[in-house]
Protein backbone atom coordinates (compact mmCIF):
# COMPACT_ATOMS: atom_id res chain seq x y z
CA MET A 1 0.00 0.00 0.00
CA SER A 2 1.38 3.42 -0.91
CA VAL A 3 1.52 6.46 1.36
CA THR A 4 1.48 10.16 0.56
CA ILE A 5 4.07 12.43 2.15
CA LYS A 6 3.11 16.08 2.44
CA ARG A 7 6.05 18.48 2.36
CA PHE A 8 5.70 22.20 3.02
CA ASP A 9 8.51 24.39 1.79
CA ALA A 10 8.84 28.15 1.42
CA PHE A 11 11.39 30.94 1.59
CA GLU A 12 11.35 34.72 1.69
CA VAL A 13 14.07 37.34 1.69
CA THR A 14 14.12 41.10 1.28
CA VAL A 15 17.00 42.38 -0.83
CA GLY A 16 17.33 46.08 -1.61
CA GLY A 17 13.82 46.67 -0.34
CA GLU A 18 12.38 44.05 -2.71
CA LEU A 19 10.69 40.90 -1.38
CA LYS A 20 11.67 37.63 -3.04
CA GLU A 21 9.72 34.52 -2.10
CA GLY A 22 8.95 31.04 -3.32
CA GLY A 23 7.12 27.90 -2.34
CA SER A 24 4.10 27.75 -0.06
CA ARG A 25 3.45 27.50 3.66
CA GLU A 26 -0.17 26.54 3.02
CA THR A 27 -0.04 24.11 0.08
CA ALA A 28 1.93 20.91 0.41
CA VAL A 29 3.89 19.21 -2.30
CA GLU A 30 2.70 15.62 -2.28
CA ILE A 31 5.20 12.79 -2.76
CA THR A 32 4.05 9.19 -3.07
CA ALA A 33 6.03 6.39 -1.45
CA ALA A 34 5.34 2.92 -2.82
CA SER A 35 4.92 1.21 0.57
CA GLU A 36 4.63 1.91 4.27
CA VAL A 37 8.23 1.01 5.09
CA VAL A 38 9.89 3.74 7.16
CA PHE A 39 13.52 4.10 8.24
CA ASP A 40 13.82 6.72 11.01
CA PHE A 41 17.37 6.85 12.35
CA GLN A 42 19.04 9.22 14.81
CA ALA A 43 22.76 9.25 15.43
CA THR A 44 25.56 11.19 17.04
CA VAL A 45 28.27 12.12 14.56
CA ALA A 46 31.46 12.83 16.48
CA ASP A 47 33.49 15.98 15.81
CA ASN A 48 36.62 13.89 15.20
CA TYR A 49 36.62 13.46 11.40
CA GLN A 50 35.06 9.97 11.51
CA VAL A 51 32.56 8.87 8.86
CA GLU A 52 29.29 7.49 10.24
CA THR A 53 27.21 5.17 8.04
CA LEU A 54 23.56 6.12 8.47
CA TRP A 55 21.93 3.70 5.99
CA GLN A 56 22.75 0.89 3.56
CA ASN A 57 20.43 -0.75 1.05
CA ALA A 58 19.43 -3.90 2.92
CA ALA A 59 16.12 -5.53 3.74
CA PRO A 60 13.58 -4.36 4.60
CA MET A 61 14.54 -1.10 2.82
CA THR A 62 16.64 -1.58 -0.29
CA ASP A 63 15.70 1.75 -1.87
CA PHE A 64 13.70 4.88 -1.02
CA ASP A 65 11.17 7.28 -2.50
CA PHE A 66 11.69 10.06 0.05
CA LEU A 67 14.68 11.25 2.10
CA TRP A 68 14.64 13.89 4.86
CA PHE A 69 17.78 14.78 6.80
CA ILE A 70 18.64 17.34 9.49
CA SER A 71 21.62 18.00 11.75
CA ASP A 72 22.17 20.44 14.59
CA GLN A 73 25.73 21.13 13.34
CA ASP A 74 27.25 21.61 9.88
CA VAL A 75 28.03 18.18 8.43
CA TYR A 76 28.90 16.55 5.13
CA LEU A 77 26.35 14.13 3.73
CA GLU A 78 27.72 11.48 1.37
CA LEU A 79 25.53 9.57 -1.07
CA VAL A 80 27.13 6.35 -2.37
CA LEU A 81 26.22 4.63 -5.64
CA ASP A 82 27.35 1.11 -6.65
CA ARG A 83 28.64 0.33 -3.16
CA ALA A 84 29.02 -3.38 -3.98
CA THR A 85 31.05 -2.94 -7.20
CA VAL A 86 32.88 0.29 -8.07
CA PRO A 87 31.59 2.90 -5.61
CA SER A 88 30.85 6.43 -6.77
CA TYR A 89 30.57 9.15 -4.12
CA ARG A 90 28.63 12.43 -4.07
CA SER A 91 29.27 14.56 -0.97
CA PHE A 92 27.99 17.98 0.00
CA LYS A 93 27.74 20.20 3.04
CA VAL A 94 24.45 20.41 4.91
CA ALA A 95 24.17 23.53 7.07
CA ALA A 96 23.09 23.22 10.69
CA ASN A 97 19.33 23.14 11.26
CA VAL A 98 18.51 23.37 7.53
CA PRO A 99 16.58 20.27 6.43
CA PHE A 100 17.71 18.47 3.28
CA CYS A 101 15.13 16.57 1.25
CA MET A 102 15.03 14.33 -1.84
CA ALA A 103 12.01 12.75 -3.50
CA THR A 104 13.94 9.97 -5.26
CA ASP A 105 16.95 7.73 -4.78
CA ASP A 106 17.98 8.06 -8.44
CA MET A 107 21.26 9.80 -9.27
CA VAL A 108 23.52 10.10 -12.29
CA ALA A 109 27.10 9.17 -11.45
CA VAL A 110 28.64 10.86 -14.48
CA GLN A 111 28.63 14.28 -16.06
CA LEU A 112 25.29 15.06 -17.72
CA THR A 113 25.35 14.78 -21.50
CA GLU A 114 23.71 17.54 -23.49
CA GLY A 115 21.33 16.29 -26.18
CA ALA A 116 21.28 12.69 -24.93
CA ALA A 117 19.19 10.62 -22.51
CA GLU A 118 20.84 9.75 -19.21
CA GLY A 119 18.93 6.46 -18.85
CA ALA A 120 21.93 4.13 -18.79
CA ALA A 121 23.78 6.34 -16.30
CA VAL A 122 20.96 6.55 -13.74
CA ASN A 123 21.68 4.57 -10.61
CA GLN A 124 20.24 4.29 -7.12
CA ILE A 125 21.77 5.55 -3.93
CA ASP A 126 22.65 2.49 -1.86
CA GLN A 127 24.48 3.97 1.13
CA ILE A 128 24.31 7.24 3.07
CA ASN A 129 27.20 8.44 5.22
CA CYS A 130 27.72 11.52 7.37
CA LYS A 131 30.84 13.28 8.65
CA ARG A 132 31.44 16.19 11.00
CA ASP A 133 34.55 17.65 9.40
CA VAL A 134 35.80 19.62 12.35
CA ALA A 135 37.12 19.15 15.85
CA ASP A 136 35.99 22.10 17.93
CA ALA A 137 34.40 23.13 21.19
CA ILE A 138 30.91 23.05 19.67
CA GLY A 139 30.92 19.26 19.89
CA ASP A 140 29.24 16.35 18.20
CA ALA A 141 26.35 16.63 15.74
CA GLN A 142 22.96 15.12 16.43
CA VAL A 143 21.49 13.98 13.11
CA ARG A 144 18.24 12.41 11.96
CA LEU A 145 17.63 10.57 8.69
CA VAL A 146 14.11 9.58 7.61
CA LEU A 147 13.56 7.41 4.53
CA LEU A 148 10.29 6.10 3.12
CA THR A 149 9.78 3.63 0.33
């Protein structure tokens, strides 16, 4: 049985006296997950340069339709493709207290090709790692990863 995730997302900023805004606080974007399987994981990511594995594609959740991540400290989130063969890594910084969201586990592990379909290059994320890339007095990061499929 599928489930519907409702995500509310909006921003506003005033620059030079002009208001810029996008999204909606009232109308949700609806994302459908194929089943009712939920992975809700909380972890402490130490401020000592260690990589913490948050999720791997294993039963009962071998893929996902929705990802939501938050951390109380700046961290690097690493998405791994082809973990079992020749891994490909995509890492990026997630700012403290700013949720990160994806509505698919599909990624392209190569440079996009103009004028051609990327079908053969599309792959699924099969591992998610996190790293606090600093050792400071602020301390460890408390993170939460929610996946639905």
